[in-house]
Amino acid sequence: MRICFTSDTHGHHLKLDIPTCDLLIHCGDFSNNGTNDELFAFNAWVRRLKASGRIKRCYVVPGNHDRSLDGLVESEGRRLQYEAARDLLDEVDDVWINSGTTIDGISFWGFSFIPPCGTNFGFQRTEEVMARLVEVPLRRASTDVFVSHGPPWGVLDVNLQRHHMGCGHLLGLIKKLKPRYHFFGHVHGNCGVSNIGETVCCNVASGGYEVKTPIILDITQK
């Protein structure tokens, strides 16, 4: 299976050169504000990629800028907002917020939540809530590819102001879950590859205007 990963394109996805692959996985912040126009434009791009034969499926782990997709809160209005936003992404095969699936024998899990980083953003949660949310992926037998919007604490998580933006709860989760790969974005200035034990970690953030070449992973069942 060939998978193409990208993140933090912030509306500039048209600048990406997407190679022919089985899956396109976006690690979040495909928009700036999660508006209907932004979701519609992203969906149209995915439709064109599928029609051209470049990709077979597309999955999204929304980020803090994709705030209209943040529906996992105790609010009827927010839930309805999520449903309306999700309807605009009908070409996206699934939106992984704290969920996943198995495709051709490869198990995936997506996780959108991050520690607080500013106002008017989505998917920000307190330490107490994060501690509960990271327990959900551990209910699965195993995960091959873990995809989150934000990085784990201390792993490719230093921003341009030299501040750590990662999540300690996510670091603990990856150490317990031990996926083969962990892909994420959120921190634009610290792209690269690192490791947590045997887990290969990759920050694939594009950074909006400075759109970078997507990362390709060829993976087979163990």
C-alpha atoms as a PDB file:
ATOM      1  CA  MET A   1       0.000   0.000   0.000  1.00  0.00           C
ATOM      2  CA  ARG A   2       1.319   3.441  -0.945  1.00  0.00           C
ATOM      3  CA  ILE A   3       0.215   6.314   1.317  1.00  0.00           C
ATOM      4  CA  CYS A   4       0.763  10.040   0.826  1.00  0.00           C
ATOM      5  CA  PHE A   5       0.862  12.197   3.981  1.00  0.00           C
ATOM      6  CA  THR A   6       0.617  15.955   4.282  1.00  0.00           C
ATOM      7  CA  SER A   7      -0.491  18.499   6.873  1.00  0.00           C
ATOM      8  CA  ASP A   8      -1.025  22.202   7.549  1.00  0.00           C
ATOM      9  CA  THR A   9      -1.669  23.263   3.979  1.00  0.00           C
ATOM     10  CA  HIS A  10      -4.055  26.009   5.164  1.00  0.00           C
ATOM     11  CA  GLY A  11      -5.957  26.302   1.901  1.00  0.00           C
ATOM     12  CA  HIS A  12      -2.912  25.931  -0.357  1.00  0.00           C
ATOM     13  CA  HIS A  13      -3.454  22.258  -1.228  1.00  0.00           C
ATOM     14  CA  LEU A  14      -3.494  23.118  -4.947  1.00  0.00           C
ATOM     15  CA  LYS A  15       0.257  23.703  -4.704  1.00  0.00           C
ATOM     16  CA  LEU A  16       0.815  20.088  -3.711  1.00  0.00           C
ATOM     17  CA  ASP A  17       2.099  17.593  -6.247  1.00  0.00           C
ATOM     18  CA  ILE A  18       0.255  14.450  -5.213  1.00  0.00           C
ATOM     19  CA  PRO A  19       1.809  11.290  -6.678  1.00  0.00           C
ATOM     20  CA  THR A  20      -0.260   8.271  -7.616  1.00  0.00           C
ATOM     21  CA  CYS A  21      -1.049   6.461  -4.386  1.00  0.00           C
ATOM     22  CA  ASP A  22      -3.644   4.326  -2.672  1.00  0.00           C
ATOM     23  CA  LEU A  23      -4.397   6.672   0.215  1.00  0.00           C
ATOM     24  CA  LEU A  24      -4.064  10.395   0.816  1.00  0.00           C
ATOM     25  CA  ILE A  25      -3.999  11.212   4.533  1.00  0.00           C
ATOM     26  CA  HIS A  26      -4.155  14.832   5.664  1.00  0.00           C
ATOM     27  CA  CYS A  27      -3.029  15.403   9.254  1.00  0.00           C
ATOM     28  CA  GLY A  28      -5.079  18.539   9.744  1.00  0.00           C
ATOM     29  CA  ASP A  29      -5.292  22.297   9.192  1.00  0.00           C
ATOM     30  CA  PHE A  30      -6.285  21.930   5.569  1.00  0.00           C
ATOM     31  CA  SER A  31      -8.218  25.173   6.153  1.00  0.00           C
ATOM     32  CA  ASN A  32      -7.635  28.435   7.999  1.00  0.00           C
ATOM     33  CA  ASN A  33     -10.961  28.777   9.770  1.00  0.00           C
ATOM     34  CA  GLY A  34     -13.040  25.738   8.831  1.00  0.00           C
ATOM     35  CA  THR A  35     -15.479  27.804   6.786  1.00  0.00           C
ATOM     36  CA  ASN A  36     -17.942  26.244   4.360  1.00  0.00           C
ATOM     37  CA  ASP A  37     -16.073  27.740   1.401  1.00  0.00           C
ATOM     38  CA  GLU A  38     -12.792  26.227   2.593  1.00  0.00           C
ATOM     39  CA  LEU A  39     -14.332  22.806   3.126  1.00  0.00           C
ATOM     40  CA  PHE A  40     -16.040  22.959  -0.267  1.00  0.00           C
ATOM     41  CA  ALA A  41     -12.756  23.859  -2.009  1.00  0.00           C
ATOM     42  CA  PHE A  42     -10.839  21.071  -0.274  1.00  0.00           C
ATOM     43  CA  ASN A  43     -13.545  18.558  -1.142  1.00  0.00           C
ATOM     44  CA  ALA A  44     -13.477  19.625  -4.801  1.00  0.00           C
ATOM     45  CA  TRP A  45      -9.711  19.086  -4.858  1.00  0.00           C
ATOM     46  CA  VAL A  46     -10.103  15.570  -3.448  1.00  0.00           C
ATOM     47  CA  ARG A  47     -12.777  14.881  -6.066  1.00  0.00           C
ATOM     48  CA  ARG A  48     -10.399  15.884  -8.857  1.00  0.00           C
ATOM     49  CA  LEU A  49      -7.611  13.724  -7.447  1.00  0.00           C
ATOM     50  CA  LYS A  50      -9.900  10.710  -7.385  1.00  0.00           C
ATOM     51  CA  ALA A  51     -11.253  11.378 -10.872  1.00  0.00           C
ATOM     52  CA  SER A  52      -7.704  11.642 -12.253  1.00  0.00           C
ATOM     53  CA  GLY A  53      -6.719   8.319 -10.689  1.00  0.00           C
ATOM     54  CA  ARG A  54      -4.073   9.944  -8.467  1.00  0.00           C
ATOM     55  CA  ILE A  55      -5.654   8.615  -5.274  1.00  0.00           C
ATOM     56  CA  LYS A  56      -8.158   5.924  -4.400  1.00  0.00           C
ATOM     57  CA  ARG A  57      -9.182   7.105  -0.932  1.00  0.00           C
ATOM     58  CA  CYS A  58      -8.740  10.161   1.278  1.00  0.00           C
ATOM     59  CA  TYR A  59      -8.759  10.405   5.067  1.00  0.00           C
ATOM     60  CA  VAL A  60      -8.526  13.516   7.225  1.00  0.00           C
ATOM     61  CA  VAL A  61      -7.516  14.059  10.835  1.00  0.00           C
ATOM     62  CA  PRO A  62      -8.775  17.620  11.359  1.00  0.00           C
ATOM     63  CA  GLY A  63      -6.627  20.162  13.162  1.00  0.00           C
ATOM     64  CA  ASN A  64      -7.254  23.178  15.344  1.00  0.00           C
ATOM     65  CA  HIS A  65      -7.890  25.463  12.340  1.00  0.00           C
ATOM     66  CA  ASP A  66     -10.546  23.048  10.999  1.00  0.00           C
ATOM     67  CA  ARG A  67     -12.713  24.044  13.931  1.00  0.00           C
ATOM     68  CA  SER A  68     -16.110  23.400  12.338  1.00  0.00           C
ATOM     69  CA  LEU A  69     -15.292  19.676  12.487  1.00  0.00           C
ATOM     70  CA  ASP A  70     -14.845  19.711  16.259  1.00  0.00           C
ATOM     71  CA  GLY A  71     -18.060  17.925  17.165  1.00  0.00           C
ATOM     72  CA  LEU A  72     -16.988  15.870  20.171  1.00  0.00           C
ATOM     73  CA  VAL A  73     -18.202  18.299  22.823  1.00  0.00           C
ATOM     74  CA  GLU A  74     -21.301  18.429  25.008  1.00  0.00           C
ATOM     75  CA  SER A  75     -23.134  20.885  22.805  1.00  0.00           C
ATOM     76  CA  GLU A  76     -26.052  20.235  20.489  1.00  0.00           C
ATOM     77  CA  GLY A  77     -25.127  23.239  18.386  1.00  0.00           C
ATOM     78  CA  ARG A  78     -21.551  22.054  17.943  1.00  0.00           C
ATOM     79  CA  ARG A  79     -22.730  18.569  16.995  1.00  0.00           C
ATOM     80  CA  LEU A  80     -25.037  19.985  14.329  1.00  0.00           C
ATOM     81  CA  GLN A  81     -22.198  22.182  13.090  1.00  0.00           C
ATOM     82  CA  TYR A  82     -20.002  19.096  12.755  1.00  0.00           C
ATOM     83  CA  GLU A  83     -22.663  17.219  10.802  1.00  0.00           C
ATOM     84  CA  ALA A  84     -23.088  20.127   8.388  1.00  0.00           C
ATOM     85  CA  ALA A  85     -19.331  20.439   7.925  1.00  0.00           C
ATOM     86  CA  ARG A  86     -18.910  16.700   7.425  1.00  0.00           C
ATOM     87  CA  ASP A  87     -21.602  16.738   4.731  1.00  0.00           C
ATOM     88  CA  LEU A  88     -19.455  19.181   2.738  1.00  0.00           C
ATOM     89  CA  LEU A  89     -16.613  16.632   2.697  1.00  0.00           C
ATOM     90  CA  ASP A  90     -18.450  13.874   0.893  1.00  0.00           C
ATOM     91  CA  GLU A  91     -15.350  12.953  -1.145  1.00  0.00           C
ATOM     92  CA  VAL A  92     -13.372  12.353   2.066  1.00  0.00           C
ATOM     93  CA  ASP A  93     -13.775   8.680   2.923  1.00  0.00           C
ATOM     94  CA  ASP A  94     -13.594   9.276   6.650  1.00  0.00           C
ATOM     95  CA  VAL A  95     -12.750  11.959   9.189  1.00  0.00           C
ATOM     96  CA  TRP A  96     -10.720  10.472  12.026  1.00  0.00           C
ATOM     97  CA  ILE A  97     -11.090  12.549  15.202  1.00  0.00           C
ATOM     98  CA  ASN A  98     -10.498   9.786  17.738  1.00  0.00           C
ATOM     99  CA  SER A  99     -11.252   6.811  15.570  1.00  0.00           C
ATOM    100  CA  GLY A 100      -9.746   4.598  12.912  1.00  0.00           C
ATOM    101  CA  THR A 101     -10.131   1.667  10.595  1.00  0.00           C
ATOM    102  CA  THR A 102      -8.266  -1.226   9.020  1.00  0.00           C
ATOM    103  CA  ILE A 103      -7.514  -1.097   5.298  1.00  0.00           C
ATOM    104  CA  ASP A 104      -6.064  -4.107   3.485  1.00  0.00           C
ATOM    105  CA  GLY A 105      -4.730  -5.482   6.742  1.00  0.00           C
ATOM    106  CA  ILE A 106      -3.109  -2.208   7.894  1.00  0.00           C
ATOM    107  CA  SER A 107      -4.687  -0.643  10.994  1.00  0.00           C
ATOM    108  CA  PHE A 108      -4.974   3.157  11.292  1.00  0.00           C
ATOM    109  CA  TRP A 109      -5.990   5.494  14.093  1.00  0.00           C
ATOM    110  CA  GLY A 110      -6.521   9.251  13.900  1.00  0.00           C
ATOM    111  CA  PHE A 111      -6.386  11.675  16.841  1.00  0.00           C
ATOM    112  CA  SER A 112      -7.181  15.375  16.458  1.00  0.00           C
ATOM    113  CA  PHE A 113      -6.844  16.734  19.989  1.00  0.00           C
ATOM    114  CA  ILE A 114      -4.073  19.049  21.182  1.00  0.00           C
ATOM    115  CA  PRO A 115      -3.252  21.020  24.335  1.00  0.00           C
ATOM    116  CA  PRO A 116      -4.541  24.628  24.377  1.00  0.00           C
ATOM    117  CA  CYS A 117      -2.580  26.879  22.031  1.00  0.00           C
ATOM    118  CA  GLY A 118      -4.790  29.948  21.493  1.00  0.00           C
ATOM    119  CA  THR A 119      -8.318  31.268  21.270  1.00  0.00           C
ATOM    120  CA  ASN A 120     -10.949  30.480  18.652  1.00  0.00           C
ATOM    121  CA  PHE A 121      -9.380  27.146  17.718  1.00  0.00           C
ATOM    122  CA  GLY A 122     -10.892  23.683  17.668  1.00  0.00           C
ATOM    123  CA  PHE A 123      -9.828  20.388  19.238  1.00  0.00           C
ATOM    124  CA  GLN A 124      -8.089  21.998  22.211  1.00  0.00           C
ATOM    125  CA  ARG A 125      -8.583  20.077  25.433  1.00  0.00           C
ATOM    126  CA  THR A 126      -7.480  20.389  29.046  1.00  0.00           C
ATOM    127  CA  GLU A 127      -5.003  18.031  30.674  1.00  0.00           C
ATOM    128  CA  GLU A 128      -7.853  16.215  32.419  1.00  0.00           C
ATOM    129  CA  VAL A 129      -9.822  15.648  29.206  1.00  0.00           C
ATOM    130  CA  MET A 130      -6.716  14.656  27.232  1.00  0.00           C
ATOM    131  CA  ALA A 131      -5.932  11.991  29.823  1.00  0.00           C
ATOM    132  CA  ARG A 132      -9.323  10.400  29.093  1.00  0.00           C
ATOM    133  CA  LEU A 133      -9.160  10.781  25.313  1.00  0.00           C
ATOM    134  CA  VAL A 134      -5.821   8.990  24.925  1.00  0.00           C
ATOM    135  CA  GLU A 135      -7.292   5.902  26.566  1.00  0.00           C
ATOM    136  CA  VAL A 136      -9.601   5.299  23.589  1.00  0.00           C
ATOM    137  CA  PRO A 137      -6.952   4.057  21.083  1.00  0.00           C
ATOM    138  CA  LEU A 138      -5.615   1.622  23.672  1.00  0.00           C
ATOM    139  CA  ARG A 139      -8.836  -0.378  23.415  1.00  0.00           C
ATOM    140  CA  ARG A 140      -7.714  -1.694  20.034  1.00  0.00           C
ATOM    141  CA  ALA A 141      -5.586  -4.800  19.740  1.00  0.00           C
ATOM    142  CA  SER A 142      -2.934  -2.949  17.750  1.00  0.00           C
ATOM    143  CA  THR A 143      -2.335   0.032  15.470  1.00  0.00           C
ATOM    144  CA  ASP A 144       0.126   0.099  12.592  1.00  0.00           C
ATOM    145  CA  VAL A 145      -0.160   3.778  11.613  1.00  0.00           C
ATOM    146  CA  PHE A 146      -1.110   6.414  14.177  1.00  0.00           C
ATOM    147  CA  VAL A 147      -2.029   9.810  12.732  1.00  0.00           C
ATOM    148  CA  SER A 148      -2.494  12.879  14.920  1.00  0.00           C
ATOM    149  CA  HIS A 149      -2.670  16.589  14.275  1.00  0.00           C
ATOM    150  CA  GLY A 150      -0.198  17.526  16.978  1.00  0.00           C
ATOM    151  CA  PRO A 151       3.110  15.971  17.985  1.00  0.00           C
ATOM    152  CA  PRO A 152       3.974  14.141  21.180  1.00  0.00           C
ATOM    153  CA  TRP A 153       5.896  16.156  23.753  1.00  0.00           C
ATOM    154  CA  GLY A 154       9.582  16.535  22.885  1.00  0.00           C
ATOM    155  CA  VAL A 155       9.351  14.919  19.438  1.00  0.00           C
ATOM    156  CA  LEU A 156       9.656  17.329  16.492  1.00  0.00           C
ATOM    157  CA  ASP A 157       7.484  19.749  18.459  1.00  0.00           C
ATOM    158  CA  VAL A 158       9.584  22.941  18.755  1.00  0.00           C
ATOM    159  CA  ASN A 159       8.033  25.944  17.028  1.00  0.00           C
ATOM    160  CA  LEU A 160       9.795  28.972  15.538  1.00  0.00           C
ATOM    161  CA  GLN A 161       9.699  30.671  18.953  1.00  0.00           C
ATOM    162  CA  ARG A 162      11.589  27.676  20.401  1.00  0.00           C
ATOM    163  CA  HIS A 163       8.614  26.520  22.480  1.00  0.00           C
ATOM    164  CA  HIS A 164       7.563  22.896  22.822  1.00  0.00           C
ATOM    165  CA  MET A 165       4.059  22.421  21.407  1.00  0.00           C
ATOM    166  CA  GLY A 166       3.699  18.686  21.940  1.00  0.00           C
ATOM    167  CA  CYS A 167       1.445  16.742  24.260  1.00  0.00           C
ATOM    168  CA  GLY A 168       2.721  14.645  27.153  1.00  0.00           C
ATOM    169  CA  HIS A 169      -0.377  12.464  27.172  1.00  0.00           C
ATOM    170  CA  LEU A 170       0.162  11.703  23.480  1.00  0.00           C
ATOM    171  CA  LEU A 171       3.790  10.766  24.183  1.00  0.00           C
ATOM    172  CA  GLY A 172       2.624   8.332  26.845  1.00  0.00           C
ATOM    173  CA  LEU A 173       0.054   6.885  24.462  1.00  0.00           C
ATOM    174  CA  ILE A 174       2.607   6.256  21.702  1.00  0.00           C
ATOM    175  CA  LYS A 175       4.941   4.547  24.172  1.00  0.00           C
ATOM    176  CA  LYS A 176       2.123   2.200  25.217  1.00  0.00           C
ATOM    177  CA  LEU A 177       0.506   1.688  21.814  1.00  0.00           C
ATOM    178  CA  LYS A 178       3.811   1.210  19.952  1.00  0.00           C
ATOM    179  CA  PRO A 179       2.537   1.789  16.408  1.00  0.00           C
ATOM    180  CA  ARG A 180       4.914   1.165  13.562  1.00  0.00           C
ATOM    181  CA  TYR A 181       4.550   4.765  12.368  1.00  0.00           C
ATOM    182  CA  HIS A 182       3.290   8.047  13.810  1.00  0.00           C
ATOM    183  CA  PHE A 183       2.545  10.925  11.422  1.00  0.00           C
ATOM    184  CA  PHE A 184       1.553  14.436  12.533  1.00  0.00           C
ATOM    185  CA  GLY A 185       1.867  18.155  11.758  1.00  0.00           C
ATOM    186  CA  HIS A 186       0.791  21.301  13.654  1.00  0.00           C
ATOM    187  CA  VAL A 187       4.351  22.552  14.280  1.00  0.00           C
ATOM    188  CA  HIS A 188       5.437  24.089  10.995  1.00  0.00           C
ATOM    189  CA  GLY A 189       9.087  24.718  11.788  1.00  0.00           C
ATOM    190  CA  ASN A 190      10.154  21.280  13.003  1.00  0.00           C
ATOM    191  CA  CYS A 191       9.533  18.859  10.131  1.00  0.00           C
ATOM    192  CA  GLY A 192      11.553  15.691   9.988  1.00  0.00           C
ATOM    193  CA  VAL A 193      11.853  12.129  11.262  1.00  0.00           C
ATOM    194  CA  SER A 194      12.550  10.856  14.764  1.00  0.00           C
ATOM    195  CA  ASN A 195      11.784   7.791  16.877  1.00  0.00           C
ATOM    196  CA  ILE A 196       9.965   6.825  20.035  1.00  0.00           C
ATOM    197  CA  GLY A 197      11.379   3.385  20.703  1.00  0.00           C
ATOM    198  CA  GLU A 198      10.698   1.402  17.535  1.00  0.00           C
ATOM    199  CA  THR A 199       7.977   3.821  16.355  1.00  0.00           C
ATOM    200  CA  VAL A 200       9.052   5.991  13.428  1.00  0.00           C
ATOM    201  CA  CYS A 201       7.687   9.523  13.950  1.00  0.00           C
ATOM    202  CA  CYS A 202       7.337  12.028  11.125  1.00  0.00           C
ATOM    203  CA  ASN A 203       6.297  15.690  11.199  1.00  0.00           C
ATOM    204  CA  VAL A 204       4.815  16.359   7.737  1.00  0.00           C
ATOM    205  CA  ALA A 205       3.604  19.959   8.255  1.00  0.00           C
ATOM    206  CA  SER A 206       3.673  22.037   5.097  1.00  0.00           C
ATOM    207  CA  GLY A 207       3.190  25.438   6.665  1.00  0.00           C
ATOM    208  CA  GLY A 208       0.639  27.123   4.430  1.00  0.00           C
ATOM    209  CA  TYR A 209       2.406  29.245   1.820  1.00  0.00           C
ATOM    210  CA  GLU A 210       5.594  27.177   2.048  1.00  0.00           C
ATOM    211  CA  VAL A 211       3.946  23.979   0.875  1.00  0.00           C
ATOM    212  CA  LYS A 212       6.384  21.099   1.068  1.00  0.00           C
ATOM    213  CA  THR A 213       6.529  17.874  -0.891  1.00  0.00           C
ATOM    214  CA  PRO A 214       4.192  15.259   0.643  1.00  0.00           C
ATOM    215  CA  ILE A 215       5.762  12.277   2.382  1.00  0.00           C
ATOM    216  CA  ILE A 216       5.262   8.846   0.851  1.00  0.00           C
ATOM    217  CA  LEU A 217       5.047   5.640   2.862  1.00  0.00           C
ATOM    218  CA  ASP A 218       5.060   2.202   1.270  1.00  0.00           C
ATOM    219  CA  ILE A 219       3.786  -0.251   3.866  1.00  0.00           C
ATOM    220  CA  THR A 220       2.904  -3.928   3.909  1.00  0.00           C
ATOM    221  CA  GLN A 221       1.419  -6.185   6.562  1.00  0.00           C
ATOM    222  CA  LYS A 222       3.833  -7.576   9.090  1.00  0.00           C
END
